[in-house]
Amino acid sequence: MTINIQPIGKISTPYKEKFAIPRQPGLAKSAEGKITFFEGFNDPNYLRGIEQFSHLWLLFHFHQTADKGHSPLVRPPRLGGNKKLGVFATRSTFRPNGIGMSVVEFGSVSYQNNQLSLIVRGIDLLDGTPILDIKPYVPYADSIVQASGGVAQHSPELMEVTFSEQASSQLNQFESHYPKLAALIQEVLSQDPRPAYHKDSHSDKTYGMSLYDLNIQWQVINQQNVVLAIQLI
């Protein structure tokens, strides 16, 4: 049986590459996304009443990994990348149908120049991700206090993030255009986005990630993520 699914729109986000995107939604609360609706769904009636919900479910397509296939077993970063679990026991992006889901915070609805858009916050989606569906988050049904989270029962430990003198100066140049830039960098880097096999190393390797049109470079020094430079790409 074949099922055809038509995206209803796509989302614009600060995350221009997969590396360093938080592994779950809500971990970087300053990350804001804008969903732009495609023709056929570009009607404000589709979102009528959505403002009464503080949070929403987004169903989306892992468009950059869908063509890479999938495997019954994957290596979750939470387990250090060394142990395997069944793909259906994880939130791996390498899935049979490439479908993802995230809970995000509702921001606002806009309809300008005949274009419908929806602002959401706390996102963990790559820029340009196709959106398949939007559903309201219903607390009494969707929040289960006694639920067991298996290997992901607890939130990850956070790393301290500091800015070098050079990075602080560069940050001041860009914050007028990106008001939440400092908070976003701190929230993303506090999750320690390095590959799992790097986390026990003591090298002076410099890492880089793309946020908006900026390249953020940092090093791990004394168990802290130190931002070294913030530069235009």
N, C-alpha and C. Protein backbone atom coordinates (compact mmCIF):
# COMPACT_ATOMS: atom_id res chain seq x y z
N MET A 1 0.85 -1.19 0.00
CA MET A 1 0.00 0.00 0.00
C MET A 1 0.88 1.24 0.00
N THR A 2 0.56 2.21 -0.83
CA THR A 2 1.30 3.47 -0.91
C THR A 2 0.43 4.62 -0.44
N ILE A 3 1.00 5.46 0.39
CA ILE A 3 0.28 6.64 0.88
C ILE A 3 1.03 7.88 0.42
N ASN A 4 0.35 8.76 -0.24
CA ASN A 4 0.96 10.01 -0.69
C ASN A 4 0.63 11.13 0.29
N ILE A 5 1.67 11.85 0.75
CA ILE A 5 1.49 12.93 1.71
C ILE A 5 2.00 14.23 1.08
N GLN A 6 1.19 15.25 1.16
CA GLN A 6 1.55 16.55 0.59
C GLN A 6 1.92 17.51 1.72
N PRO A 7 3.13 18.06 1.72
CA PRO A 7 3.49 19.05 2.74
C PRO A 7 2.56 20.25 2.69
N ILE A 8 2.25 20.80 3.86
CA ILE A 8 1.37 21.97 3.92
C ILE A 8 2.17 23.26 3.90
N GLY A 9 3.47 23.15 4.13
CA GLY A 9 4.32 24.35 4.14
C GLY A 9 5.74 23.95 4.50
N LYS A 10 6.58 24.95 4.74
CA LYS A 10 7.94 24.68 5.19
C LYS A 10 8.31 25.70 6.26
N ILE A 11 9.32 25.36 7.05
CA ILE A 11 9.70 26.22 8.16
C ILE A 11 11.08 26.82 7.93
N SER A 12 11.21 28.10 8.23
CA SER A 12 12.51 28.78 8.20
C SER A 12 13.02 28.85 9.63
N THR A 13 14.27 28.42 9.86
CA THR A 13 14.83 28.37 11.20
C THR A 13 16.27 28.89 11.19
N PRO A 14 16.85 29.13 12.39
CA PRO A 14 18.26 29.56 12.45
C PRO A 14 19.23 28.44 12.09
N TYR A 15 18.77 27.18 12.10
CA TYR A 15 19.67 26.05 11.93
C TYR A 15 19.87 25.73 10.45
N LYS A 16 21.05 26.07 9.94
CA LYS A 16 21.33 25.90 8.52
C LYS A 16 21.99 24.56 8.20
N GLU A 17 22.37 23.80 9.22
CA GLU A 17 22.94 22.47 9.02
C GLU A 17 22.51 21.59 10.19
N LYS A 18 22.61 20.28 10.00
CA LYS A 18 22.13 19.35 11.03
C LYS A 18 22.99 19.41 12.29
N PHE A 19 24.29 19.62 12.12
CA PHE A 19 25.19 19.63 13.27
C PHE A 19 24.79 20.73 14.25
N ALA A 20 24.70 20.39 15.51
CA ALA A 20 24.42 21.30 16.63
C ALA A 20 22.94 21.58 16.85
N ILE A 21 22.05 21.07 16.00
CA ILE A 21 20.63 21.23 16.31
C ILE A 21 20.31 20.44 17.58
N PRO A 22 19.64 21.04 18.56
CA PRO A 22 19.26 20.29 19.77
C PRO A 22 18.53 19.01 19.40
N ARG A 23 18.80 17.95 20.18
CA ARG A 23 18.25 16.64 19.83
C ARG A 23 16.78 16.49 20.21
N GLN A 24 16.26 17.46 20.93
CA GLN A 24 14.84 17.45 21.28
C GLN A 24 14.32 18.88 21.23
N PRO A 25 13.02 19.06 21.03
CA PRO A 25 12.46 20.41 21.04
C PRO A 25 12.43 20.98 22.46
N GLY A 26 12.37 22.29 22.56
CA GLY A 26 12.24 22.96 23.85
C GLY A 26 13.55 23.16 24.58
N LEU A 27 14.65 22.58 24.11
CA LEU A 27 15.94 22.73 24.79
C LEU A 27 16.58 24.08 24.48
N ALA A 28 16.27 24.63 23.33
CA ALA A 28 16.73 25.98 22.97
C ALA A 28 15.49 26.85 22.79
N LYS A 29 15.04 27.43 23.87
CA LYS A 29 13.77 28.16 23.85
C LYS A 29 13.83 29.44 23.01
N SER A 30 15.04 29.95 22.76
CA SER A 30 15.19 31.17 21.97
C SER A 30 15.18 30.90 20.47
N ALA A 31 15.17 29.62 20.08
CA ALA A 31 15.15 29.28 18.65
C ALA A 31 13.74 29.46 18.10
N GLU A 32 13.60 30.39 17.18
CA GLU A 32 12.28 30.73 16.63
C GLU A 32 12.21 30.29 15.17
N GLY A 33 11.07 29.77 14.76
CA GLY A 33 10.86 29.35 13.39
C GLY A 33 9.60 29.98 12.80
N LYS A 34 9.61 30.12 11.49
CA LYS A 34 8.47 30.70 10.78
C LYS A 34 7.98 29.70 9.74
N ILE A 35 6.75 29.22 9.92
CA ILE A 35 6.15 28.29 8.97
C ILE A 35 5.41 29.10 7.91
N THR A 36 5.78 28.90 6.67
CA THR A 36 5.11 29.54 5.54
C THR A 36 4.28 28.49 4.82
N PHE A 37 3.01 28.78 4.60
CA PHE A 37 2.09 27.79 4.06
C PHE A 37 2.05 27.82 2.53
N PHE A 38 1.99 26.62 1.96
CA PHE A 38 1.97 26.47 0.51
C PHE A 38 0.58 26.74 -0.05
N GLU A 39 0.54 26.92 -1.37
CA GLU A 39 -0.74 27.10 -2.06
C GLU A 39 -1.64 25.90 -1.79
N GLY A 40 -2.88 26.18 -1.54
CA GLY A 40 -3.83 25.14 -1.17
C GLY A 40 -4.06 25.07 0.33
N PHE A 41 -3.08 25.60 1.10
CA PHE A 41 -3.20 25.65 2.56
C PHE A 41 -2.98 27.07 3.07
N ASN A 42 -2.86 28.00 2.15
CA ASN A 42 -2.57 29.40 2.47
C ASN A 42 -3.84 30.18 2.76
N ASP A 43 -4.60 29.68 3.73
CA ASP A 43 -5.89 30.25 4.09
C ASP A 43 -5.94 30.40 5.61
N PRO A 44 -6.14 31.61 6.13
CA PRO A 44 -6.17 31.82 7.59
C PRO A 44 -7.16 30.93 8.33
N ASN A 45 -8.19 30.43 7.63
CA ASN A 45 -9.16 29.57 8.28
C ASN A 45 -8.53 28.28 8.81
N TYR A 46 -7.42 27.85 8.20
CA TYR A 46 -6.74 26.64 8.67
C TYR A 46 -6.23 26.81 10.10
N LEU A 47 -5.95 28.04 10.51
CA LEU A 47 -5.37 28.30 11.83
C LEU A 47 -6.36 28.99 12.78
N ARG A 48 -7.62 29.07 12.40
CA ARG A 48 -8.59 29.75 13.25
C ARG A 48 -8.68 29.08 14.61
N GLY A 49 -8.48 29.84 15.68
CA GLY A 49 -8.58 29.33 17.04
C GLY A 49 -7.30 28.73 17.58
N ILE A 50 -6.24 28.71 16.79
CA ILE A 50 -5.01 28.06 17.24
C ILE A 50 -4.33 28.83 18.37
N GLU A 51 -4.65 30.13 18.49
CA GLU A 51 -4.01 30.96 19.51
C GLU A 51 -4.43 30.57 20.93
N GLN A 52 -5.46 29.75 21.08
CA GLN A 52 -5.88 29.34 22.43
C GLN A 52 -5.01 28.22 22.99
N PHE A 53 -4.09 27.70 22.17
CA PHE A 53 -3.18 26.65 22.61
C PHE A 53 -1.77 27.23 22.78
N SER A 54 -1.15 26.95 23.91
CA SER A 54 0.20 27.49 24.16
C SER A 54 1.26 26.72 23.40
N HIS A 55 0.99 25.44 23.10
CA HIS A 55 1.97 24.60 22.42
C HIS A 55 1.30 23.79 21.31
N LEU A 56 2.10 23.40 20.34
CA LEU A 56 1.60 22.69 19.17
C LEU A 56 2.51 21.50 18.85
N TRP A 57 1.93 20.48 18.24
CA TRP A 57 2.70 19.38 17.66
C TRP A 57 2.97 19.71 16.20
N LEU A 58 4.21 19.58 15.79
CA LEU A 58 4.56 19.67 14.37
C LEU A 58 4.95 18.28 13.88
N LEU A 59 4.34 17.84 12.80
CA LEU A 59 4.78 16.64 12.10
C LEU A 59 5.51 17.10 10.86
N PHE A 60 6.69 16.55 10.63
CA PHE A 60 7.53 17.05 9.54
C PHE A 60 8.30 15.92 8.88
N HIS A 61 9.01 16.28 7.80
CA HIS A 61 9.76 15.29 7.03
C HIS A 61 11.25 15.54 7.18
N PHE A 62 12.00 14.48 7.52
CA PHE A 62 13.46 14.59 7.58
C PHE A 62 14.00 14.61 6.15
N HIS A 63 13.91 15.78 5.52
CA HIS A 63 14.16 15.85 4.09
C HIS A 63 15.62 15.64 3.70
N GLN A 64 16.55 15.85 4.62
CA GLN A 64 17.96 15.69 4.26
C GLN A 64 18.50 14.29 4.55
N THR A 65 17.72 13.46 5.21
CA THR A 65 18.19 12.10 5.49
C THR A 65 17.28 11.03 4.88
N ALA A 66 16.16 11.44 4.33
CA ALA A 66 15.17 10.46 3.83
C ALA A 66 15.74 9.58 2.73
N ASP A 67 16.64 10.13 1.90
CA ASP A 67 17.17 9.34 0.78
C ASP A 67 18.36 8.48 1.19
N LYS A 68 18.74 8.53 2.45
CA LYS A 68 19.88 7.74 2.92
C LYS A 68 19.47 6.39 3.48
N GLY A 69 18.19 6.10 3.42
CA GLY A 69 17.71 4.80 3.87
C GLY A 69 17.63 4.70 5.39
N HIS A 70 17.39 3.47 5.86
CA HIS A 70 17.26 3.25 7.30
C HIS A 70 17.74 1.86 7.64
N SER A 71 17.88 1.62 8.92
CA SER A 71 18.33 0.32 9.42
C SER A 71 17.48 -0.04 10.62
N PRO A 72 17.29 -1.35 10.88
CA PRO A 72 16.53 -1.74 12.08
C PRO A 72 17.19 -1.29 13.37
N LEU A 73 18.54 -1.15 13.34
CA LEU A 73 19.28 -0.76 14.54
C LEU A 73 20.01 0.55 14.30
N VAL A 74 20.02 1.40 15.34
CA VAL A 74 20.73 2.69 15.27
C VAL A 74 21.54 2.85 16.55
N ARG A 75 22.44 3.84 16.55
CA ARG A 75 23.30 4.11 17.70
C ARG A 75 22.89 5.45 18.33
N PRO A 76 22.05 5.46 19.35
CA PRO A 76 21.59 6.72 19.94
C PRO A 76 22.75 7.49 20.59
N PRO A 77 22.85 8.80 20.36
CA PRO A 77 23.87 9.61 21.03
C PRO A 77 23.79 9.53 22.54
N ARG A 78 22.58 9.34 23.08
CA ARG A 78 22.40 9.26 24.53
C ARG A 78 23.20 8.08 25.12
N LEU A 79 23.45 7.07 24.30
CA LEU A 79 24.19 5.90 24.76
C LEU A 79 25.66 5.96 24.33
N GLY A 80 26.11 7.17 23.98
CA GLY A 80 27.51 7.35 23.62
C GLY A 80 27.85 6.94 22.20
N GLY A 81 26.85 6.58 21.42
CA GLY A 81 27.09 6.20 20.03
C GLY A 81 27.71 4.83 19.88
N ASN A 82 27.77 4.04 20.96
CA ASN A 82 28.41 2.73 20.91
C ASN A 82 27.43 1.58 21.00
N LYS A 83 26.29 1.78 21.65
CA LYS A 83 25.30 0.72 21.82
C LYS A 83 24.15 0.92 20.82
N LYS A 84 23.53 -0.17 20.44
CA LYS A 84 22.47 -0.13 19.45
C LYS A 84 21.10 -0.36 20.07
N LEU A 85 20.11 0.33 19.51
CA LEU A 85 18.71 0.10 19.85
C LEU A 85 17.92 0.01 18.55
N GLY A 86 16.74 -0.58 18.64
CA GLY A 86 15.87 -0.61 17.47
C GLY A 86 15.43 0.79 17.09
N VAL A 87 15.35 1.06 15.81
CA VAL A 87 15.04 2.41 15.35
C VAL A 87 13.71 2.91 15.92
N PHE A 88 12.74 1.99 16.14
CA PHE A 88 11.46 2.40 16.69
C PHE A 88 11.51 2.63 18.20
N ALA A 89 12.66 2.35 18.81
CA ALA A 89 12.86 2.64 20.23
C ALA A 89 13.69 3.92 20.40
N THR A 90 13.84 4.67 19.31
CA THR A 90 14.62 5.91 19.34
C THR A 90 13.90 6.99 18.54
N ARG A 91 14.50 8.17 18.54
CA ARG A 91 14.00 9.26 17.70
C ARG A 91 14.99 9.57 16.59
N SER A 92 15.69 8.56 16.15
CA SER A 92 16.65 8.72 15.06
C SER A 92 15.99 9.34 13.83
N THR A 93 16.76 10.13 13.09
CA THR A 93 16.24 10.73 11.86
C THR A 93 16.20 9.73 10.71
N PHE A 94 16.91 8.60 10.84
CA PHE A 94 16.96 7.60 9.79
C PHE A 94 15.84 6.58 10.02
N ARG A 95 14.67 6.90 9.46
CA ARG A 95 13.46 6.13 9.72
C ARG A 95 12.85 5.64 8.41
N PRO A 96 12.03 4.58 8.46
CA PRO A 96 11.44 4.06 7.23
C PRO A 96 10.67 5.11 6.42
N ASN A 97 9.95 6.00 7.09
CA ASN A 97 9.17 7.01 6.37
C ASN A 97 9.66 8.43 6.61
N GLY A 98 10.75 8.59 7.35
CA GLY A 98 11.35 9.92 7.53
C GLY A 98 10.43 10.94 8.16
N ILE A 99 9.56 10.52 9.07
CA ILE A 99 8.62 11.44 9.72
C ILE A 99 9.11 11.78 11.11
N GLY A 100 9.13 13.08 11.43
CA GLY A 100 9.51 13.54 12.75
C GLY A 100 8.35 14.26 13.42
N MET A 101 8.45 14.44 14.74
CA MET A 101 7.42 15.17 15.48
C MET A 101 8.08 15.96 16.59
N SER A 102 7.60 17.18 16.80
CA SER A 102 8.16 18.05 17.83
C SER A 102 7.05 18.86 18.48
N VAL A 103 7.17 19.05 19.79
CA VAL A 103 6.29 19.97 20.50
C VAL A 103 6.96 21.33 20.52
N VAL A 104 6.28 22.36 20.06
CA VAL A 104 6.83 23.71 20.01
C VAL A 104 5.88 24.69 20.68
N GLU A 105 6.41 25.84 21.03
CA GLU A 105 5.58 26.88 21.65
C GLU A 105 4.94 27.75 20.58
N PHE A 106 3.65 27.99 20.71
CA PHE A 106 2.95 28.89 19.79
C PHE A 106 3.45 30.31 19.97
N GLY A 107 3.69 31.00 18.86
CA GLY A 107 4.13 32.39 18.90
C GLY A 107 3.05 33.33 18.41
N SER A 108 2.79 33.32 17.10
CA SER A 108 1.80 34.22 16.53
C SER A 108 1.43 33.76 15.13
N VAL A 109 0.32 34.30 14.64
CA VAL A 109 -0.15 34.03 13.27
C VAL A 109 -0.12 35.34 12.50
N SER A 110 0.29 35.26 11.25
CA SER A 110 0.34 36.45 10.41
C SER A 110 -0.24 36.11 9.03
N TYR A 111 -0.96 37.07 8.47
CA TYR A 111 -1.44 36.94 7.10
C TYR A 111 -1.22 38.28 6.41
N GLN A 112 -0.11 38.38 5.71
CA GLN A 112 0.28 39.63 5.06
C GLN A 112 0.62 39.37 3.60
N ASN A 113 0.19 40.28 2.74
CA ASN A 113 0.44 40.16 1.30
C ASN A 113 0.00 38.78 0.78
N ASN A 114 -1.17 38.35 1.28
CA ASN A 114 -1.76 37.07 0.86
C ASN A 114 -0.88 35.87 1.20
N GLN A 115 -0.07 35.98 2.25
CA GLN A 115 0.76 34.86 2.68
C GLN A 115 0.51 34.56 4.15
N LEU A 116 0.09 33.33 4.44
CA LEU A 116 -0.16 32.88 5.80
C LEU A 116 1.13 32.35 6.41
N SER A 117 1.41 32.74 7.66
CA SER A 117 2.60 32.23 8.34
C SER A 117 2.30 32.05 9.83
N LEU A 118 3.08 31.17 10.44
CA LEU A 118 2.93 30.84 11.85
C LEU A 118 4.30 30.85 12.51
N ILE A 119 4.44 31.63 13.58
CA ILE A 119 5.69 31.70 14.33
C ILE A 119 5.62 30.72 15.50
N VAL A 120 6.66 29.89 15.65
CA VAL A 120 6.75 28.94 16.75
C VAL A 120 8.13 29.04 17.38
N ARG A 121 8.24 28.61 18.65
CA ARG A 121 9.51 28.76 19.38
C ARG A 121 9.92 27.43 20.02
N GLY A 122 11.20 27.36 20.37
CA GLY A 122 11.73 26.14 20.98
C GLY A 122 11.90 25.03 19.98
N ILE A 123 12.21 25.37 18.75
CA ILE A 123 12.24 24.40 17.66
C ILE A 123 13.56 23.63 17.60
N ASP A 124 13.51 22.47 16.97
CA ASP A 124 14.70 21.66 16.72
C ASP A 124 14.71 21.18 15.28
N LEU A 125 14.25 22.03 14.37
CA LEU A 125 14.11 21.66 12.96
C LEU A 125 15.12 22.40 12.08
N LEU A 126 15.62 21.70 11.10
CA LEU A 126 16.53 22.26 10.11
C LEU A 126 15.80 23.27 9.24
N ASP A 127 16.51 24.31 8.84
CA ASP A 127 15.92 25.31 7.95
C ASP A 127 15.42 24.65 6.66
N GLY A 128 14.21 25.00 6.26
CA GLY A 128 13.63 24.45 5.04
C GLY A 128 12.89 23.14 5.21
N THR A 129 12.74 22.67 6.45
CA THR A 129 12.06 21.39 6.69
C THR A 129 10.59 21.44 6.24
N PRO A 130 10.14 20.48 5.44
CA PRO A 130 8.72 20.43 5.05
C PRO A 130 7.84 20.07 6.25
N ILE A 131 6.77 20.81 6.43
CA ILE A 131 5.80 20.56 7.50
C ILE A 131 4.65 19.75 6.92
N LEU A 132 4.32 18.63 7.58
CA LEU A 132 3.27 17.74 7.10
C LEU A 132 1.93 17.99 7.77
N ASP A 133 1.98 18.38 9.05
CA ASP A 133 0.73 18.59 9.78
C ASP A 133 1.01 19.37 11.05
N ILE A 134 -0.02 20.00 11.59
CA ILE A 134 0.06 20.75 12.84
C ILE A 134 -1.15 20.34 13.69
N LYS A 135 -0.88 20.03 14.94
CA LYS A 135 -1.96 19.64 15.85
C LYS A 135 -1.77 20.37 17.19
N PRO A 136 -2.83 20.70 17.89
CA PRO A 136 -2.69 21.33 19.20
C PRO A 136 -2.15 20.34 20.24
N TYR A 137 -1.31 20.84 21.13
CA TYR A 137 -0.84 20.07 22.27
C TYR A 137 -1.90 20.18 23.36
N VAL A 138 -2.42 19.04 23.81
CA VAL A 138 -3.49 19.00 24.80
C VAL A 138 -2.91 18.45 26.11
N PRO A 139 -2.69 19.29 27.12
CA PRO A 139 -1.96 18.87 28.33
C PRO A 139 -2.56 17.65 29.03
N TYR A 140 -3.88 17.58 29.19
CA TYR A 140 -4.44 16.48 29.98
C TYR A 140 -4.22 15.13 29.30
N ALA A 141 -4.07 15.13 27.97
CA ALA A 141 -3.87 13.88 27.25
C ALA A 141 -2.42 13.63 26.86
N ASP A 142 -1.69 14.71 26.57
CA ASP A 142 -0.33 14.56 26.04
C ASP A 142 0.74 14.54 27.11
N SER A 143 0.43 14.99 28.32
CA SER A 143 1.41 14.99 29.40
C SER A 143 1.06 13.87 30.38
N ILE A 144 1.91 12.85 30.44
CA ILE A 144 1.68 11.69 31.30
C ILE A 144 2.75 11.69 32.38
N VAL A 145 2.38 12.09 33.59
CA VAL A 145 3.34 12.30 34.66
C VAL A 145 4.09 11.02 35.02
N GLN A 146 3.42 9.89 35.00
CA GLN A 146 4.03 8.63 35.43
C GLN A 146 4.77 7.91 34.31
N ALA A 147 4.90 8.53 33.15
CA ALA A 147 5.51 7.85 32.00
C ALA A 147 6.98 7.54 32.26
N SER A 148 7.44 6.43 31.69
CA SER A 148 8.84 6.04 31.77
C SER A 148 9.55 6.42 30.49
N GLY A 149 10.72 7.03 30.61
CA GLY A 149 11.45 7.51 29.44
C GLY A 149 12.62 6.65 29.03
N GLY A 150 12.73 5.44 29.59
CA GLY A 150 13.79 4.54 29.18
C GLY A 150 15.17 5.17 29.32
N VAL A 151 15.98 5.07 28.26
CA VAL A 151 17.34 5.62 28.30
C VAL A 151 17.33 7.15 28.32
N ALA A 152 16.18 7.76 28.03
CA ALA A 152 16.08 9.22 28.00
C ALA A 152 15.13 9.72 29.09
N GLN A 153 15.18 9.08 30.24
CA GLN A 153 14.28 9.45 31.33
C GLN A 153 14.56 10.87 31.84
N HIS A 154 15.84 11.25 31.86
CA HIS A 154 16.22 12.55 32.42
C HIS A 154 16.83 13.44 31.34
N SER A 155 16.67 14.73 31.52
CA SER A 155 17.26 15.67 30.57
C SER A 155 18.78 15.61 30.66
N PRO A 156 19.49 15.90 29.58
CA PRO A 156 20.95 15.82 29.59
C PRO A 156 21.56 16.89 30.50
N GLU A 157 22.75 16.58 31.02
CA GLU A 157 23.47 17.57 31.82
C GLU A 157 23.93 18.71 30.91
N LEU A 158 23.87 19.92 31.44
CA LEU A 158 24.23 21.09 30.64
C LEU A 158 25.66 21.52 30.93
N MET A 159 26.31 22.03 29.88
CA MET A 159 27.67 22.56 30.02
C MET A 159 27.59 24.07 30.16
N GLU A 160 28.54 24.63 30.87
CA GLU A 160 28.63 26.09 30.96
C GLU A 160 29.18 26.64 29.65
N VAL A 161 28.64 27.77 29.25
CA VAL A 161 29.06 28.41 27.99
C VAL A 161 29.54 29.82 28.30
N THR A 162 30.73 30.16 27.83
CA THR A 162 31.28 31.50 28.02
C THR A 162 31.73 32.04 26.66
N PHE A 163 31.91 33.36 26.60
CA PHE A 163 32.33 34.03 25.37
C PHE A 163 33.71 34.65 25.57
N SER A 164 34.59 34.45 24.60
CA SER A 164 35.89 35.11 24.65
C SER A 164 35.69 36.60 24.44
N GLU A 165 36.73 37.37 24.68
CA GLU A 165 36.64 38.83 24.49
C GLU A 165 36.32 39.16 23.04
N GLN A 166 36.94 38.43 22.13
CA GLN A 166 36.68 38.66 20.70
C GLN A 166 35.24 38.32 20.35
N ALA A 167 34.76 37.17 20.83
CA ALA A 167 33.40 36.75 20.52
C ALA A 167 32.37 37.71 21.12
N SER A 168 32.65 38.23 22.32
CA SER A 168 31.73 39.18 22.95
C SER A 168 31.62 40.45 22.13
N SER A 169 32.75 40.91 21.59
CA SER A 169 32.75 42.10 20.76
C SER A 169 31.96 41.85 19.48
N GLN A 170 32.17 40.69 18.87
CA GLN A 170 31.44 40.36 17.64
C GLN A 170 29.96 40.18 17.91
N LEU A 171 29.64 39.63 19.07
CA LEU A 171 28.24 39.44 19.44
C LEU A 171 27.51 40.77 19.48
N ASN A 172 28.13 41.79 20.00
CA ASN A 172 27.53 43.12 20.08
C ASN A 172 27.20 43.67 18.69
N GLN A 173 27.98 43.28 17.70
CA GLN A 173 27.75 43.76 16.34
C GLN A 173 26.50 43.14 15.72
N PHE A 174 26.21 41.89 16.11
CA PHE A 174 25.13 41.16 15.46
C PHE A 174 23.82 41.15 16.24
N GLU A 175 23.85 41.50 17.52
CA GLU A 175 22.64 41.36 18.33
C GLU A 175 21.55 42.35 17.95
N SER A 176 21.88 43.43 17.29
CA SER A 176 20.83 44.35 16.84
C SER A 176 19.97 43.70 15.76
N HIS A 177 20.59 42.81 14.98
CA HIS A 177 19.87 42.11 13.91
C HIS A 177 19.26 40.81 14.42
N TYR A 178 19.94 40.17 15.39
CA TYR A 178 19.46 38.93 15.99
C TYR A 178 19.39 39.13 17.51
N PRO A 179 18.30 39.70 18.02
CA PRO A 179 18.21 40.09 19.44
C PRO A 179 18.44 38.96 20.43
N LYS A 180 18.11 37.72 20.08
CA LYS A 180 18.26 36.60 21.00
C LYS A 180 19.47 35.74 20.68
N LEU A 181 20.43 36.31 19.96
CA LEU A 181 21.57 35.52 19.49
C LEU A 181 22.38 34.94 20.64
N ALA A 182 22.69 35.76 21.64
CA ALA A 182 23.51 35.27 22.76
C ALA A 182 22.82 34.12 23.48
N ALA A 183 21.52 34.27 23.74
CA ALA A 183 20.77 33.22 24.43
C ALA A 183 20.72 31.95 23.59
N LEU A 184 20.52 32.11 22.28
CA LEU A 184 20.43 30.94 21.41
C LEU A 184 21.75 30.19 21.38
N ILE A 185 22.86 30.91 21.25
CA ILE A 185 24.17 30.25 21.25
C ILE A 185 24.39 29.50 22.55
N GLN A 186 24.06 30.13 23.67
CA GLN A 186 24.25 29.48 24.97
C GLN A 186 23.37 28.24 25.11
N GLU A 187 22.13 28.34 24.68
CA GLU A 187 21.21 27.20 24.81
C GLU A 187 21.65 26.02 23.94
N VAL A 188 22.13 26.32 22.73
CA VAL A 188 22.56 25.25 21.84
C VAL A 188 23.85 24.59 22.34
N LEU A 189 24.84 25.42 22.71
CA LEU A 189 26.12 24.86 23.12
C LEU A 189 26.06 24.21 24.50
N SER A 190 25.13 24.63 25.34
CA SER A 190 25.02 24.00 26.66
C SER A 190 24.61 22.53 26.54
N GLN A 191 24.02 22.15 25.40
CA GLN A 191 23.63 20.76 25.18
C GLN A 191 24.81 19.88 24.78
N ASP A 192 25.98 20.50 24.59
CA ASP A 192 27.19 19.79 24.12
C ASP A 192 26.92 19.05 22.82
N PRO A 193 26.88 19.77 21.69
CA PRO A 193 26.51 19.14 20.42
C PRO A 193 27.62 18.32 19.78
N ARG A 194 28.77 18.19 20.43
CA ARG A 194 29.85 17.39 19.85
C ARG A 194 29.41 15.94 19.63
N PRO A 195 30.01 15.27 18.65
CA PRO A 195 29.74 13.83 18.49
C PRO A 195 30.04 13.09 19.79
N ALA A 196 29.29 12.05 20.08
CA ALA A 196 29.43 11.34 21.35
C ALA A 196 30.85 10.84 21.58
N TYR A 197 31.54 10.40 20.50
CA TYR A 197 32.87 9.85 20.67
C TYR A 197 33.93 10.92 20.94
N HIS A 198 33.56 12.21 20.85
CA HIS A 198 34.49 13.29 21.16
C HIS A 198 34.43 13.71 22.62
N LYS A 199 33.41 13.28 23.34
CA LYS A 199 33.13 13.88 24.64
C LYS A 199 34.11 13.47 25.74
N ASP A 200 34.85 12.41 25.52
CA ASP A 200 35.84 12.02 26.51
C ASP A 200 37.25 12.41 26.10
N SER A 201 37.36 13.10 24.96
CA SER A 201 38.69 13.51 24.50
C SER A 201 39.10 14.82 25.17
N HIS A 202 40.38 15.10 25.12
CA HIS A 202 40.91 16.31 25.74
C HIS A 202 41.71 17.13 24.72
N SER A 203 41.28 17.07 23.47
CA SER A 203 41.99 17.79 22.41
C SER A 203 41.59 19.26 22.43
N ASP A 204 42.35 20.05 21.71
CA ASP A 204 42.06 21.48 21.59
C ASP A 204 41.36 21.77 20.26
N LYS A 205 40.59 20.80 19.78
CA LYS A 205 39.88 20.93 18.51
C LYS A 205 38.90 22.10 18.55
N THR A 206 38.86 22.86 17.47
CA THR A 206 37.89 23.95 17.33
C THR A 206 36.70 23.44 16.52
N TYR A 207 35.49 23.65 17.05
CA TYR A 207 34.27 23.23 16.39
C TYR A 207 33.57 24.45 15.79
N GLY A 208 32.70 24.19 14.83
CA GLY A 208 31.95 25.28 14.22
C GLY A 208 30.53 24.86 13.93
N MET A 209 29.60 25.79 14.04
CA MET A 209 28.20 25.54 13.69
C MET A 209 27.64 26.78 13.01
N SER A 210 26.60 26.56 12.23
CA SER A 210 25.95 27.66 11.51
C SER A 210 24.62 27.99 12.15
N LEU A 211 24.45 29.26 12.54
CA LEU A 211 23.17 29.78 13.00
C LEU A 211 22.87 31.01 12.16
N TYR A 212 21.70 31.06 11.57
CA TYR A 212 21.35 32.14 10.64
C TYR A 212 22.41 32.16 9.54
N ASP A 213 23.04 33.32 9.32
CA ASP A 213 24.12 33.42 8.32
C ASP A 213 25.47 33.60 9.02
N LEU A 214 25.57 33.03 10.23
CA LEU A 214 26.77 33.19 11.04
C LEU A 214 27.45 31.85 11.29
N ASN A 215 28.78 31.91 11.37
CA ASN A 215 29.57 30.75 11.76
C ASN A 215 30.04 30.97 13.19
N ILE A 216 29.64 30.06 14.08
CA ILE A 216 30.01 30.15 15.50
C ILE A 216 31.11 29.14 15.76
N GLN A 217 32.26 29.60 16.23
CA GLN A 217 33.38 28.70 16.51
C GLN A 217 33.62 28.63 18.01
N TRP A 218 33.90 27.42 18.51
CA TRP A 218 34.12 27.26 19.94
C TRP A 218 35.07 26.10 20.23
N GLN A 219 35.60 26.11 21.44
CA GLN A 219 36.45 25.04 21.94
C GLN A 219 35.95 24.61 23.32
N VAL A 220 36.26 23.38 23.69
CA VAL A 220 35.99 22.92 25.04
C VAL A 220 37.25 23.13 25.87
N ILE A 221 37.15 24.00 26.86
CA ILE A 221 38.28 24.33 27.73
C ILE A 221 37.84 24.16 29.17
N ASN A 222 38.53 23.27 29.89
CA ASN A 222 38.19 23.01 31.30
C ASN A 222 36.71 22.67 31.46
N GLN A 223 36.22 21.80 30.59
CA GLN A 223 34.84 21.32 30.64
C GLN A 223 33.81 22.42 30.40
N GLN A 224 34.23 23.51 29.78
CA GLN A 224 33.31 24.58 29.39
C GLN A 224 33.39 24.78 27.89
N ASN A 225 32.28 25.14 27.28
CA ASN A 225 32.28 25.53 25.88
C ASN A 225 32.58 27.02 25.78
N VAL A 226 33.70 27.34 25.20
CA VAL A 226 34.14 28.73 25.10
C VAL A 226 33.97 29.19 23.65
N VAL A 227 33.10 30.16 23.42
CA VAL A 227 32.88 30.69 22.08
C VAL A 227 34.07 31.58 21.72
N LEU A 228 34.72 31.24 20.61
CA LEU A 228 35.93 31.95 20.21
C LEU A 228 35.65 33.08 19.21
N ALA A 229 34.73 32.81 18.28
CA ALA A 229 34.48 33.78 17.20
C ALA A 229 33.07 33.63 16.67
N ILE A 230 32.50 34.75 16.22
CA ILE A 230 31.19 34.80 15.57
C ILE A 230 31.36 35.61 14.30
N GLN A 231 31.24 34.96 13.16
CA GLN A 231 31.57 35.63 11.89
C GLN A 231 30.50 35.35 10.85
N LEU A 232 30.33 36.28 9.92
CA LEU A 232 29.44 36.07 8.80
C LEU A 232 29.98 34.97 7.91
N ILE A 233 29.10 34.15 7.40
CA ILE A 233 29.50 33.07 6.50
C ILE A 233 29.78 33.65 5.11
